[in-house]
């Protein structure tokens, strides 16, 4: 039995971010630059997508994640001084968000956590319909007891109300929930809302140095799962 000084009670529910955390976005990382003929296009576009979802939240407006994604493609064209894409091309690119495979490490990590008795819940900025399609396409939907979208509160992560709404929906206190994500901003948001957190150190991602460090950190989901299980 661990000493009281070191003992850390296990969370009851694990909330999982989806894009980049569970799903491999390589398909989009190839398709977006190809569509623009510009190698910088994906990074520019995805950064704008996240940035302007927060603009909606801060300004008290709401547009769906796919709608912001399409608008961000126009902004990407303007900022890179490239020709804007056709409506059909934009819709085709955005639809790829629902056609992403799981990272190779994800099924094993989810199995470890499920076998250990944890409740697993997907939690995303995407609309509910998109979330369901994503999990089905990636063949991981059966691991989760449910999926939660921020569209229920029409605020985007990392606003603290999104995490509070999520834990309320699954019937636990914030301290009994742990968010698993590959993004420093998501980890920071969850911790500000009173949740614990686990970072999967996906390539190209990093923590926000001014926020508290995550409760757990691992190179992939199985490594993180073993720490959480203890």
C-alpha atoms as a PDB file:
ATOM      1  CA  UNK A   1       0.000   0.000   0.000  1.00  0.00           C
ATOM      2  CA  UNK A   2       1.506   3.371  -0.967  1.00  0.00           C
ATOM      3  CA  UNK A   3       2.218   5.890   1.761  1.00  0.00           C
ATOM      4  CA  UNK A   4      -0.339   8.641   2.289  1.00  0.00           C
ATOM      5  CA  UNK A   5       2.217  11.197   1.123  1.00  0.00           C
ATOM      6  CA  UNK A   6       2.533   9.487  -2.254  1.00  0.00           C
ATOM      7  CA  UNK A   7      -0.923   7.976  -2.637  1.00  0.00           C
ATOM      8  CA  UNK A   8      -2.919   9.398  -5.534  1.00  0.00           C
ATOM      9  CA  UNK A   9      -6.493   8.094  -5.799  1.00  0.00           C
ATOM     10  CA  UNK A  10      -7.362   6.848  -9.255  1.00  0.00           C
ATOM     11  CA  UNK A  11      -9.829   8.830 -11.363  1.00  0.00           C
ATOM     12  CA  UNK A  12     -13.256   7.332 -12.004  1.00  0.00           C
ATOM     13  CA  UNK A  13     -13.648   8.629 -15.564  1.00  0.00           C
ATOM     14  CA  UNK A  14     -11.082   9.244 -18.297  1.00  0.00           C
ATOM     15  CA  UNK A  15     -11.991  11.903 -20.859  1.00  0.00           C
ATOM     16  CA  UNK A  16     -10.170  11.645 -24.187  1.00  0.00           C
ATOM     17  CA  UNK A  17      -9.513  14.408 -26.650  1.00  0.00           C
ATOM     18  CA  UNK A  18      -9.894  13.024 -30.176  1.00  0.00           C
ATOM     19  CA  UNK A  19      -8.069  14.890 -32.976  1.00  0.00           C
ATOM     20  CA  UNK A  20      -4.311  14.208 -32.822  1.00  0.00           C
ATOM     21  CA  UNK A  21      -4.683  12.545 -29.409  1.00  0.00           C
ATOM     22  CA  UNK A  22      -6.491   9.408 -30.598  1.00  0.00           C
ATOM     23  CA  UNK A  23      -6.582   9.991 -34.347  1.00  0.00           C
ATOM     24  CA  UNK A  24      -3.677  10.325 -36.764  1.00  0.00           C
ATOM     25  CA  UNK A  25      -4.063  13.473 -38.873  1.00  0.00           C
ATOM     26  CA  UNK A  26      -1.395  12.518 -41.421  1.00  0.00           C
ATOM     27  CA  UNK A  27      -4.049  12.242 -44.136  1.00  0.00           C
ATOM     28  CA  UNK A  28      -4.938  15.921 -43.690  1.00  0.00           C
ATOM     29  CA  UNK A  29      -1.308  16.914 -43.285  1.00  0.00           C
ATOM     30  CA  UNK A  30      -0.786  15.640 -46.831  1.00  0.00           C
ATOM     31  CA  UNK A  31      -4.093  16.693 -48.398  1.00  0.00           C
ATOM     32  CA  UNK A  32      -4.188  20.344 -47.309  1.00  0.00           C
ATOM     33  CA  UNK A  33      -0.698  21.282 -48.607  1.00  0.00           C
ATOM     34  CA  UNK A  34      -1.422  19.383 -51.827  1.00  0.00           C
ATOM     35  CA  UNK A  35      -4.667  21.311 -52.369  1.00  0.00           C
ATOM     36  CA  UNK A  36      -2.887  24.649 -51.974  1.00  0.00           C
ATOM     37  CA  UNK A  37       0.424  23.659 -53.532  1.00  0.00           C
ATOM     38  CA  UNK A  38       2.086  25.045 -50.413  1.00  0.00           C
ATOM     39  CA  UNK A  39       3.960  22.982 -47.823  1.00  0.00           C
ATOM     40  CA  UNK A  40       3.033  25.380 -45.008  1.00  0.00           C
ATOM     41  CA  UNK A  41      -0.715  25.142 -45.583  1.00  0.00           C
ATOM     42  CA  UNK A  42      -1.673  22.488 -43.019  1.00  0.00           C
ATOM     43  CA  UNK A  43       0.086  24.119 -40.090  1.00  0.00           C
ATOM     44  CA  UNK A  44      -1.361  27.507 -41.036  1.00  0.00           C
ATOM     45  CA  UNK A  45      -4.870  26.109 -41.475  1.00  0.00           C
ATOM     46  CA  UNK A  46      -5.040  24.013 -38.313  1.00  0.00           C
ATOM     47  CA  UNK A  47      -3.631  26.837 -36.223  1.00  0.00           C
ATOM     48  CA  UNK A  48      -6.308  29.179 -37.576  1.00  0.00           C
ATOM     49  CA  UNK A  49      -9.003  26.578 -36.932  1.00  0.00           C
ATOM     50  CA  UNK A  50      -8.064  26.380 -33.255  1.00  0.00           C
ATOM     51  CA  UNK A  51      -7.519  30.130 -32.950  1.00  0.00           C
ATOM     52  CA  UNK A  52     -10.878  31.127 -34.388  1.00  0.00           C
ATOM     53  CA  UNK A  53     -12.806  28.526 -32.439  1.00  0.00           C
ATOM     54  CA  UNK A  54     -11.509  30.428 -29.410  1.00  0.00           C
ATOM     55  CA  UNK A  55     -12.459  33.747 -31.018  1.00  0.00           C
ATOM     56  CA  UNK A  56     -16.035  32.442 -31.199  1.00  0.00           C
ATOM     57  CA  UNK A  57     -15.923  31.459 -27.534  1.00  0.00           C
ATOM     58  CA  UNK A  58     -14.424  34.733 -26.314  1.00  0.00           C
ATOM     59  CA  UNK A  59     -16.800  36.878 -28.378  1.00  0.00           C
ATOM     60  CA  UNK A  60     -19.917  34.947 -27.374  1.00  0.00           C
ATOM     61  CA  UNK A  61     -20.672  33.570 -30.833  1.00  0.00           C
ATOM     62  CA  UNK A  62     -20.800  29.984 -32.053  1.00  0.00           C
ATOM     63  CA  UNK A  63     -20.149  28.278 -35.368  1.00  0.00           C
ATOM     64  CA  UNK A  64     -19.599  24.550 -35.759  1.00  0.00           C
ATOM     65  CA  UNK A  65     -16.066  23.188 -35.951  1.00  0.00           C
ATOM     66  CA  UNK A  66     -16.523  22.168 -39.635  1.00  0.00           C
ATOM     67  CA  UNK A  67     -17.810  25.660 -40.499  1.00  0.00           C
ATOM     68  CA  UNK A  68     -14.790  27.266 -38.831  1.00  0.00           C
ATOM     69  CA  UNK A  69     -12.561  24.741 -40.611  1.00  0.00           C
ATOM     70  CA  UNK A  70     -13.923  25.854 -43.995  1.00  0.00           C
ATOM     71  CA  UNK A  71     -13.549  29.531 -43.113  1.00  0.00           C
ATOM     72  CA  UNK A  72      -9.983  28.862 -41.979  1.00  0.00           C
ATOM     73  CA  UNK A  73      -9.193  27.384 -45.397  1.00  0.00           C
ATOM     74  CA  UNK A  74     -10.162  30.719 -46.988  1.00  0.00           C
ATOM     75  CA  UNK A  75      -8.042  32.560 -44.435  1.00  0.00           C
ATOM     76  CA  UNK A  76      -5.138  30.205 -45.128  1.00  0.00           C
ATOM     77  CA  UNK A  77      -5.329  30.994 -48.836  1.00  0.00           C
ATOM     78  CA  UNK A  78      -5.313  34.730 -48.143  1.00  0.00           C
ATOM     79  CA  UNK A  79      -2.459  34.587 -45.640  1.00  0.00           C
ATOM     80  CA  UNK A  80      -0.286  32.401 -47.879  1.00  0.00           C
ATOM     81  CA  UNK A  81      -1.257  34.472 -50.939  1.00  0.00           C
ATOM     82  CA  UNK A  82      -2.664  31.419 -52.678  1.00  0.00           C
ATOM     83  CA  UNK A  83      -5.861  31.042 -54.680  1.00  0.00           C
ATOM     84  CA  UNK A  84      -8.923  30.237 -52.575  1.00  0.00           C
ATOM     85  CA  UNK A  85     -10.196  26.686 -52.897  1.00  0.00           C
ATOM     86  CA  UNK A  86     -13.560  25.840 -54.426  1.00  0.00           C
ATOM     87  CA  UNK A  87     -16.500  25.122 -52.133  1.00  0.00           C
ATOM     88  CA  UNK A  88     -16.440  21.447 -53.098  1.00  0.00           C
ATOM     89  CA  UNK A  89     -12.700  21.133 -52.410  1.00  0.00           C
ATOM     90  CA  UNK A  90     -13.095  22.776 -49.009  1.00  0.00           C
ATOM     91  CA  UNK A  91     -15.923  20.428 -48.070  1.00  0.00           C
ATOM     92  CA  UNK A  92     -13.911  17.440 -49.267  1.00  0.00           C
ATOM     93  CA  UNK A  93     -10.924  18.447 -47.137  1.00  0.00           C
ATOM     94  CA  UNK A  94     -13.021  19.111 -44.037  1.00  0.00           C
ATOM     95  CA  UNK A  95     -14.786  15.767 -44.486  1.00  0.00           C
ATOM     96  CA  UNK A  96     -11.404  14.085 -43.989  1.00  0.00           C
ATOM     97  CA  UNK A  97     -11.710  14.988 -40.300  1.00  0.00           C
ATOM     98  CA  UNK A  98     -14.203  12.110 -40.070  1.00  0.00           C
ATOM     99  CA  UNK A  99     -11.963   9.714 -42.027  1.00  0.00           C
ATOM    100  CA  UNK A 100      -8.864   9.527 -39.862  1.00  0.00           C
ATOM    101  CA  UNK A 101      -7.344   6.287 -38.543  1.00  0.00           C
ATOM    102  CA  UNK A 102      -6.416   5.786 -34.919  1.00  0.00           C
ATOM    103  CA  UNK A 103      -2.761   6.104 -33.988  1.00  0.00           C
ATOM    104  CA  UNK A 104      -1.267   2.577 -33.872  1.00  0.00           C
ATOM    105  CA  UNK A 105      -0.765   2.731 -30.091  1.00  0.00           C
ATOM    106  CA  UNK A 106      -4.355   3.721 -29.306  1.00  0.00           C
ATOM    107  CA  UNK A 107      -6.224   0.369 -29.317  1.00  0.00           C
ATOM    108  CA  UNK A 108      -3.722  -1.235 -26.935  1.00  0.00           C
ATOM    109  CA  UNK A 109      -3.811   1.748 -24.586  1.00  0.00           C
ATOM    110  CA  UNK A 110      -7.607   1.795 -24.533  1.00  0.00           C
ATOM    111  CA  UNK A 111      -7.704  -1.956 -23.887  1.00  0.00           C
ATOM    112  CA  UNK A 112      -5.378  -1.596 -20.896  1.00  0.00           C
ATOM    113  CA  UNK A 113      -7.525   1.133 -19.367  1.00  0.00           C
ATOM    114  CA  UNK A 114     -10.809  -0.622 -20.074  1.00  0.00           C
ATOM    115  CA  UNK A 115      -9.514  -3.891 -18.608  1.00  0.00           C
ATOM    116  CA  UNK A 116      -8.434  -1.972 -15.499  1.00  0.00           C
ATOM    117  CA  UNK A 117     -12.041  -0.889 -14.966  1.00  0.00           C
ATOM    118  CA  UNK A 118     -11.931   2.753 -16.017  1.00  0.00           C
ATOM    119  CA  UNK A 119     -14.878   4.472 -17.672  1.00  0.00           C
ATOM    120  CA  UNK A 120     -13.744   5.880 -21.030  1.00  0.00           C
ATOM    121  CA  UNK A 121     -15.445   8.896 -22.612  1.00  0.00           C
ATOM    122  CA  UNK A 122     -14.471  10.737 -25.807  1.00  0.00           C
ATOM    123  CA  UNK A 123     -14.627  14.533 -25.497  1.00  0.00           C
ATOM    124  CA  UNK A 124     -14.116  16.816 -28.480  1.00  0.00           C
ATOM    125  CA  UNK A 125     -14.595  20.208 -30.101  1.00  0.00           C
ATOM    126  CA  UNK A 126     -16.195  18.467 -33.087  1.00  0.00           C
ATOM    127  CA  UNK A 127     -19.999  18.201 -33.398  1.00  0.00           C
ATOM    128  CA  UNK A 128     -21.651  15.070 -32.013  1.00  0.00           C
ATOM    129  CA  UNK A 129     -22.398  13.680 -35.472  1.00  0.00           C
ATOM    130  CA  UNK A 130     -18.771  14.136 -36.525  1.00  0.00           C
ATOM    131  CA  UNK A 131     -17.490  12.558 -33.312  1.00  0.00           C
ATOM    132  CA  UNK A 132     -19.587   9.437 -33.807  1.00  0.00           C
ATOM    133  CA  UNK A 133     -18.392   9.166 -37.415  1.00  0.00           C
ATOM    134  CA  UNK A 134     -14.762   9.613 -36.356  1.00  0.00           C
ATOM    135  CA  UNK A 135     -14.856   6.882 -33.732  1.00  0.00           C
ATOM    136  CA  UNK A 136     -16.657   4.482 -36.076  1.00  0.00           C
ATOM    137  CA  UNK A 137     -14.220   5.095 -38.931  1.00  0.00           C
ATOM    138  CA  UNK A 138     -11.230   4.604 -36.625  1.00  0.00           C
ATOM    139  CA  UNK A 139     -12.797   1.373 -35.287  1.00  0.00           C
ATOM    140  CA  UNK A 140     -12.476   2.463 -31.654  1.00  0.00           C
ATOM    141  CA  UNK A 141     -16.067   3.442 -30.831  1.00  0.00           C
ATOM    142  CA  UNK A 142     -16.645   0.229 -28.842  1.00  0.00           C
ATOM    143  CA  UNK A 143     -14.101   1.261 -26.212  1.00  0.00           C
ATOM    144  CA  UNK A 144     -16.138   4.282 -25.098  1.00  0.00           C
ATOM    145  CA  UNK A 145     -19.255   4.356 -22.960  1.00  0.00           C
ATOM    146  CA  UNK A 146     -20.209   7.623 -24.654  1.00  0.00           C
ATOM    147  CA  UNK A 147     -18.916  10.562 -26.654  1.00  0.00           C
ATOM    148  CA  UNK A 148     -19.350  14.190 -25.631  1.00  0.00           C
ATOM    149  CA  UNK A 149     -19.229  17.254 -27.869  1.00  0.00           C
ATOM    150  CA  UNK A 150     -18.829  20.872 -26.838  1.00  0.00           C
ATOM    151  CA  UNK A 151     -21.776  21.744 -29.086  1.00  0.00           C
ATOM    152  CA  UNK A 152     -24.025  21.048 -26.089  1.00  0.00           C
ATOM    153  CA  UNK A 153     -22.668  24.205 -24.403  1.00  0.00           C
ATOM    154  CA  UNK A 154     -21.516  26.014 -27.585  1.00  0.00           C
ATOM    155  CA  UNK A 155     -18.167  26.896 -26.064  1.00  0.00           C
ATOM    156  CA  UNK A 156     -14.867  25.477 -27.261  1.00  0.00           C
ATOM    157  CA  UNK A 157     -12.171  23.828 -25.215  1.00  0.00           C
ATOM    158  CA  UNK A 158     -10.144  25.006 -23.343  1.00  0.00           C
ATOM    159  CA  UNK A 159     -12.913  27.142 -21.789  1.00  0.00           C
ATOM    160  CA  UNK A 160     -13.332  25.778 -18.265  1.00  0.00           C
ATOM    161  CA  UNK A 161     -17.126  25.490 -18.645  1.00  0.00           C
ATOM    162  CA  UNK A 162     -16.649  22.803 -21.308  1.00  0.00           C
ATOM    163  CA  UNK A 163     -14.833  20.528 -18.862  1.00  0.00           C
ATOM    164  CA  UNK A 164     -17.310  21.266 -16.087  1.00  0.00           C
ATOM    165  CA  UNK A 165     -20.182  20.362 -18.415  1.00  0.00           C
ATOM    166  CA  UNK A 166     -18.409  17.141 -19.391  1.00  0.00           C
ATOM    167  CA  UNK A 167     -17.914  15.906 -15.830  1.00  0.00           C
ATOM    168  CA  UNK A 168     -21.495  16.839 -14.989  1.00  0.00           C
ATOM    169  CA  UNK A 169     -22.691  14.809 -17.987  1.00  0.00           C
ATOM    170  CA  UNK A 170     -20.839  11.705 -16.773  1.00  0.00           C
ATOM    171  CA  UNK A 171     -21.878  12.212 -13.150  1.00  0.00           C
ATOM    172  CA  UNK A 172     -18.563  12.729 -11.380  1.00  0.00           C
ATOM    173  CA  UNK A 173     -16.779  15.548  -9.587  1.00  0.00           C
ATOM    174  CA  UNK A 174     -13.961  17.300 -11.488  1.00  0.00           C
ATOM    175  CA  UNK A 175     -11.394  15.750  -9.134  1.00  0.00           C
ATOM    176  CA  UNK A 176     -12.645  12.275 -10.119  1.00  0.00           C
ATOM    177  CA  UNK A 177     -12.015  12.886 -13.831  1.00  0.00           C
ATOM    178  CA  UNK A 178      -8.812  12.910 -15.840  1.00  0.00           C
ATOM    179  CA  UNK A 179      -8.433  14.388 -19.313  1.00  0.00           C
ATOM    180  CA  UNK A 180      -6.040  12.695 -21.736  1.00  0.00           C
ATOM    181  CA  UNK A 181      -4.828  14.894 -24.586  1.00  0.00           C
ATOM    182  CA  UNK A 182      -1.880  15.570 -26.865  1.00  0.00           C
ATOM    183  CA  UNK A 183      -2.215  19.361 -26.579  1.00  0.00           C
ATOM    184  CA  UNK A 184      -0.792  21.617 -23.913  1.00  0.00           C
ATOM    185  CA  UNK A 185      -3.769  23.983 -24.183  1.00  0.00           C
ATOM    186  CA  UNK A 186      -6.241  21.149 -23.500  1.00  0.00           C
ATOM    187  CA  UNK A 187      -4.247  19.941 -20.497  1.00  0.00           C
ATOM    188  CA  UNK A 188      -4.080  23.503 -19.140  1.00  0.00           C
ATOM    189  CA  UNK A 189      -7.823  23.995 -19.600  1.00  0.00           C
ATOM    190  CA  UNK A 190      -8.737  20.762 -17.854  1.00  0.00           C
ATOM    191  CA  UNK A 191      -6.512  21.490 -14.887  1.00  0.00           C
ATOM    192  CA  UNK A 192      -7.910  25.018 -14.557  1.00  0.00           C
ATOM    193  CA  UNK A 193     -11.367  23.420 -14.309  1.00  0.00           C
ATOM    194  CA  UNK A 194     -10.244  21.129 -11.483  1.00  0.00           C
ATOM    195  CA  UNK A 195      -9.621  17.926 -13.455  1.00  0.00           C
ATOM    196  CA  UNK A 196      -6.452  15.904 -13.490  1.00  0.00           C
ATOM    197  CA  UNK A 197      -4.652  15.424 -16.791  1.00  0.00           C
ATOM    198  CA  UNK A 198      -2.444  13.142 -18.827  1.00  0.00           C
ATOM    199  CA  UNK A 199      -0.363  14.260 -21.794  1.00  0.00           C
ATOM    200  CA  UNK A 200       0.471  11.969 -24.703  1.00  0.00           C
ATOM    201  CA  UNK A 201       3.674  13.448 -26.095  1.00  0.00           C
ATOM    202  CA  UNK A 202       2.814  13.244 -29.797  1.00  0.00           C
ATOM    203  CA  UNK A 203       5.503  14.585 -32.177  1.00  0.00           C
ATOM    204  CA  UNK A 204       5.256  18.329 -32.689  1.00  0.00           C
ATOM    205  CA  UNK A 205       3.245  18.953 -29.510  1.00  0.00           C
ATOM    206  CA  UNK A 206       4.413  20.623 -26.322  1.00  0.00           C
ATOM    207  CA  UNK A 207       3.173  21.789 -22.943  1.00  0.00           C
ATOM    208  CA  UNK A 208       2.334  25.380 -22.048  1.00  0.00           C
ATOM    209  CA  UNK A 209       5.256  26.323 -19.745  1.00  0.00           C
ATOM    210  CA  UNK A 210       3.199  28.767 -17.660  1.00  0.00           C
ATOM    211  CA  UNK A 211       0.555  26.178 -16.733  1.00  0.00           C
ATOM    212  CA  UNK A 212       0.830  23.495 -14.071  1.00  0.00           C
ATOM    213  CA  UNK A 213       2.418  20.278 -15.374  1.00  0.00           C
ATOM    214  CA  UNK A 214       0.110  17.357 -16.191  1.00  0.00           C
ATOM    215  CA  UNK A 215      -0.580  14.691 -13.598  1.00  0.00           C
ATOM    216  CA  UNK A 216       0.825  12.062 -15.967  1.00  0.00           C
ATOM    217  CA  UNK A 217       2.890  12.182 -19.135  1.00  0.00           C
ATOM    218  CA  UNK A 218       3.853   9.404 -21.546  1.00  0.00           C
ATOM    219  CA  UNK A 219       5.314   8.907 -25.007  1.00  0.00           C
ATOM    220  CA  UNK A 220       2.198   7.025 -26.144  1.00  0.00           C
ATOM    221  CA  UNK A 221      -1.142   5.855 -24.775  1.00  0.00           C
ATOM    222  CA  UNK A 222       0.025   2.464 -23.394  1.00  0.00           C
ATOM    223  CA  UNK A 223       2.850   4.189 -21.495  1.00  0.00           C
ATOM    224  CA  UNK A 224       0.394   6.711 -20.087  1.00  0.00           C
ATOM    225  CA  UNK A 225      -2.134   3.983 -19.274  1.00  0.00           C
ATOM    226  CA  UNK A 226       0.393   2.021 -17.209  1.00  0.00           C
ATOM    227  CA  UNK A 227       1.124   5.118 -15.129  1.00  0.00           C
ATOM    228  CA  UNK A 228      -2.571   5.766 -14.500  1.00  0.00           C
ATOM    229  CA  UNK A 229      -3.246   2.130 -13.602  1.00  0.00           C
ATOM    230  CA  UNK A 230      -0.263   2.152 -11.228  1.00  0.00           C
END
